[in-house]
Amino acid sequence: MVLLDTAIAGCVSSSLSRPLDEKRHKILLGCLAAVERILPLIGDEGGAFEYYERLRKMAALAAETGNADAR
């Protein structure tokens, strides 16, 4: 979970300053798929579900923006 969080944060941060390169875009899409798989399994202890749902939304927006910039 920590590595997933870190990978998404790094890609989202990169996307804020420049378009994502192909490698980071693929990493972000893989992380997005992983978050979508684990969200139903997360309880809301300590706000974990809410945190990872926000992380999923950020990843989706960054992936969408990165995809638009690649066109």
N, C-alpha and C. Protein backbone atom coordinates (compact mmCIF):
# COMPACT_ATOMS: atom_id res chain seq x y z
N MET A 1 0.82 -1.18 0.00
CA MET A 1 0.00 0.00 0.00
C MET A 1 0.87 1.26 0.00
N VAL A 2 1.94 1.20 0.76
CA VAL A 2 2.84 2.36 0.82
C VAL A 2 3.50 2.59 -0.54
N LEU A 3 3.94 1.53 -1.18
CA LEU A 3 4.56 1.67 -2.50
C LEU A 3 3.57 2.16 -3.55
N LEU A 4 2.34 1.71 -3.45
CA LEU A 4 1.30 2.17 -4.36
C LEU A 4 1.07 3.66 -4.17
N ASP A 5 0.97 4.08 -2.93
CA ASP A 5 0.81 5.49 -2.58
C ASP A 5 1.98 6.31 -3.13
N THR A 6 3.18 5.83 -2.92
CA THR A 6 4.38 6.54 -3.37
C THR A 6 4.45 6.65 -4.89
N ALA A 7 4.14 5.57 -5.58
CA ALA A 7 4.20 5.58 -7.05
C ALA A 7 3.17 6.55 -7.62
N ILE A 8 1.96 6.52 -7.08
CA ILE A 8 0.93 7.44 -7.57
C ILE A 8 1.33 8.87 -7.27
N ALA A 9 1.78 9.14 -6.06
CA ALA A 9 2.17 10.51 -5.69
C ALA A 9 3.28 11.03 -6.60
N GLY A 10 4.25 10.18 -6.91
CA GLY A 10 5.35 10.60 -7.80
C GLY A 10 4.87 10.93 -9.20
N CYS A 11 3.99 10.09 -9.73
CA CYS A 11 3.48 10.33 -11.09
C CYS A 11 2.58 11.56 -11.13
N VAL A 12 1.73 11.72 -10.12
CA VAL A 12 0.84 12.89 -10.07
C VAL A 12 1.67 14.16 -9.94
N SER A 13 2.68 14.12 -9.09
CA SER A 13 3.55 15.28 -8.92
C SER A 13 4.25 15.64 -10.24
N SER A 14 4.74 14.63 -10.93
CA SER A 14 5.39 14.86 -12.22
C SER A 14 4.42 15.46 -13.24
N SER A 15 3.18 14.98 -13.21
CA SER A 15 2.19 15.45 -14.18
C SER A 15 1.81 16.92 -13.96
N LEU A 16 2.05 17.42 -12.77
CA LEU A 16 1.73 18.82 -12.48
C LEU A 16 2.74 19.78 -13.11
N SER A 17 3.94 19.30 -13.34
CA SER A 17 4.98 20.18 -13.89
C SER A 17 5.26 19.96 -15.37
N ARG A 18 4.89 18.80 -15.88
CA ARG A 18 5.14 18.50 -17.30
C ARG A 18 4.30 17.29 -17.69
N PRO A 19 4.07 17.12 -18.99
CA PRO A 19 3.33 15.93 -19.42
C PRO A 19 4.08 14.65 -19.02
N LEU A 20 3.33 13.64 -18.68
CA LEU A 20 3.95 12.37 -18.30
C LEU A 20 4.59 11.70 -19.51
N ASP A 21 5.77 11.16 -19.29
CA ASP A 21 6.37 10.36 -20.35
C ASP A 21 5.66 9.01 -20.38
N GLU A 22 5.94 8.24 -21.40
CA GLU A 22 5.25 6.96 -21.58
C GLU A 22 5.44 6.02 -20.38
N LYS A 23 6.65 5.98 -19.84
CA LYS A 23 6.95 5.10 -18.71
C LYS A 23 6.10 5.46 -17.50
N ARG A 24 6.06 6.73 -17.14
CA ARG A 24 5.27 7.15 -15.98
C ARG A 24 3.77 6.98 -16.22
N HIS A 25 3.35 7.20 -17.45
CA HIS A 25 1.94 7.01 -17.76
C HIS A 25 1.55 5.55 -17.57
N LYS A 26 2.39 4.62 -18.01
CA LYS A 26 2.11 3.19 -17.82
C LYS A 26 2.12 2.82 -16.35
N ILE A 27 3.07 3.37 -15.59
CA ILE A 27 3.12 3.12 -14.15
C ILE A 27 1.82 3.59 -13.50
N LEU A 28 1.40 4.79 -13.86
CA LEU A 28 0.19 5.36 -13.30
C LEU A 28 -1.04 4.51 -13.63
N LEU A 29 -1.14 4.04 -14.86
CA LEU A 29 -2.27 3.19 -15.24
C LEU A 29 -2.26 1.87 -14.46
N GLY A 30 -1.08 1.31 -14.24
CA GLY A 30 -0.98 0.09 -13.43
C GLY A 30 -1.38 0.32 -11.99
N CYS A 31 -0.97 1.45 -11.44
CA CYS A 31 -1.34 1.80 -10.07
C CYS A 31 -2.84 2.04 -9.96
N LEU A 32 -3.39 2.69 -10.95
CA LEU A 32 -4.82 2.96 -10.97
C LEU A 32 -5.61 1.64 -10.97
N ALA A 33 -5.17 0.70 -11.76
CA ALA A 33 -5.82 -0.62 -11.79
C ALA A 33 -5.71 -1.32 -10.44
N ALA A 34 -4.55 -1.20 -9.80
CA ALA A 34 -4.35 -1.82 -8.49
C ALA A 34 -5.26 -1.20 -7.43
N VAL A 35 -5.36 0.12 -7.44
CA VAL A 35 -6.23 0.79 -6.47
C VAL A 35 -7.68 0.37 -6.68
N GLU A 36 -8.10 0.26 -7.93
CA GLU A 36 -9.48 -0.15 -8.22
C GLU A 36 -9.75 -1.57 -7.70
N ARG A 37 -8.73 -2.43 -7.75
CA ARG A 37 -8.89 -3.81 -7.24
C ARG A 37 -8.94 -3.85 -5.73
N ILE A 38 -8.17 -3.00 -5.06
CA ILE A 38 -8.10 -3.09 -3.60
C ILE A 38 -9.14 -2.26 -2.86
N LEU A 39 -9.71 -1.24 -3.50
CA LEU A 39 -10.69 -0.40 -2.82
C LEU A 39 -11.82 -1.19 -2.17
N PRO A 40 -12.41 -2.16 -2.85
CA PRO A 40 -13.50 -2.91 -2.21
C PRO A 40 -13.05 -3.72 -0.99
N LEU A 41 -11.75 -3.96 -0.86
CA LEU A 41 -11.23 -4.77 0.24
C LEU A 41 -10.82 -3.95 1.45
N ILE A 42 -10.77 -2.63 1.29
CA ILE A 42 -10.29 -1.76 2.36
C ILE A 42 -11.45 -1.39 3.29
N GLY A 43 -11.21 -1.57 4.58
CA GLY A 43 -12.16 -1.06 5.56
C GLY A 43 -11.90 0.42 5.75
N ASP A 44 -12.74 1.09 6.50
CA ASP A 44 -12.56 2.52 6.68
C ASP A 44 -11.88 2.86 8.00
N GLU A 45 -11.11 1.93 8.51
CA GLU A 45 -10.38 2.18 9.75
C GLU A 45 -9.37 3.30 9.52
N GLY A 46 -9.48 4.33 10.31
CA GLY A 46 -8.54 5.44 10.20
C GLY A 46 -8.69 6.24 8.92
N GLY A 47 -9.82 6.12 8.23
CA GLY A 47 -10.05 6.87 7.00
C GLY A 47 -9.32 6.31 5.79
N ALA A 48 -8.92 5.04 5.87
CA ALA A 48 -8.14 4.42 4.78
C ALA A 48 -8.91 4.41 3.46
N PHE A 49 -10.19 4.05 3.49
CA PHE A 49 -10.96 3.98 2.26
C PHE A 49 -11.04 5.36 1.61
N GLU A 50 -11.34 6.36 2.40
CA GLU A 50 -11.44 7.73 1.88
C GLU A 50 -10.11 8.19 1.29
N TYR A 51 -9.02 7.88 1.96
CA TYR A 51 -7.70 8.28 1.48
C TYR A 51 -7.39 7.64 0.12
N TYR A 52 -7.59 6.34 0.03
CA TYR A 52 -7.26 5.66 -1.23
C TYR A 52 -8.26 5.98 -2.34
N GLU A 53 -9.47 6.36 -1.99
CA GLU A 53 -10.42 6.81 -3.00
C GLU A 53 -9.95 8.15 -3.58
N ARG A 54 -9.47 9.05 -2.73
CA ARG A 54 -8.92 10.32 -3.23
C ARG A 54 -7.68 10.07 -4.07
N LEU A 55 -6.86 9.14 -3.65
CA LEU A 55 -5.65 8.79 -4.41
C LEU A 55 -6.04 8.25 -5.79
N ARG A 56 -7.10 7.43 -5.85
CA ARG A 56 -7.59 6.90 -7.12
C ARG A 56 -8.06 8.03 -8.03
N LYS A 57 -8.76 8.98 -7.47
CA LYS A 57 -9.26 10.11 -8.27
C LYS A 57 -8.10 10.95 -8.81
N MET A 58 -7.08 11.19 -7.98
CA MET A 58 -5.91 11.94 -8.45
C MET A 58 -5.21 11.19 -9.57
N ALA A 59 -5.05 9.88 -9.41
CA ALA A 59 -4.38 9.06 -10.43
C ALA A 59 -5.17 9.10 -11.74
N ALA A 60 -6.49 8.99 -11.64
CA ALA A 60 -7.32 9.01 -12.84
C ALA A 60 -7.21 10.35 -13.56
N LEU A 61 -7.23 11.44 -12.81
CA LEU A 61 -7.11 12.77 -13.43
C LEU A 61 -5.74 12.96 -14.08
N ALA A 62 -4.70 12.53 -13.40
CA ALA A 62 -3.34 12.67 -13.95
C ALA A 62 -3.18 11.80 -15.20
N ALA A 63 -3.75 10.60 -15.18
CA ALA A 63 -3.65 9.71 -16.35
C ALA A 63 -4.43 10.29 -17.52
N GLU A 64 -5.59 10.86 -17.23
CA GLU A 64 -6.40 11.47 -18.28
C GLU A 64 -5.69 12.67 -18.88
N THR A 65 -5.12 13.51 -18.03
CA THR A 65 -4.38 14.69 -18.49
C THR A 65 -3.15 14.26 -19.30
N GLY A 66 -2.45 13.27 -18.80
CA GLY A 66 -1.27 12.76 -19.52
C GLY A 66 -1.64 12.20 -20.87
N ASN A 67 -2.78 11.54 -20.95
CA ASN A 67 -3.24 10.98 -22.21
C ASN A 67 -3.63 12.10 -23.19
N ALA A 68 -4.24 13.14 -22.69
CA ALA A 68 -4.64 14.26 -23.55
C ALA A 68 -3.41 14.98 -24.09
N ASP A 69 -2.36 15.10 -23.26
CA ASP A 69 -1.13 15.78 -23.69
C ASP A 69 -0.38 14.96 -24.73
N ALA A 70 -0.57 13.65 -24.73
CA ALA A 70 0.15 12.79 -25.67
C ALA A 70 -0.43 12.86 -27.07
N ARG A 71 -1.64 13.39 -27.20
CA ARG A 71 -2.31 13.45 -28.51
C ARG A 71 -1.75 14.51 -29.39
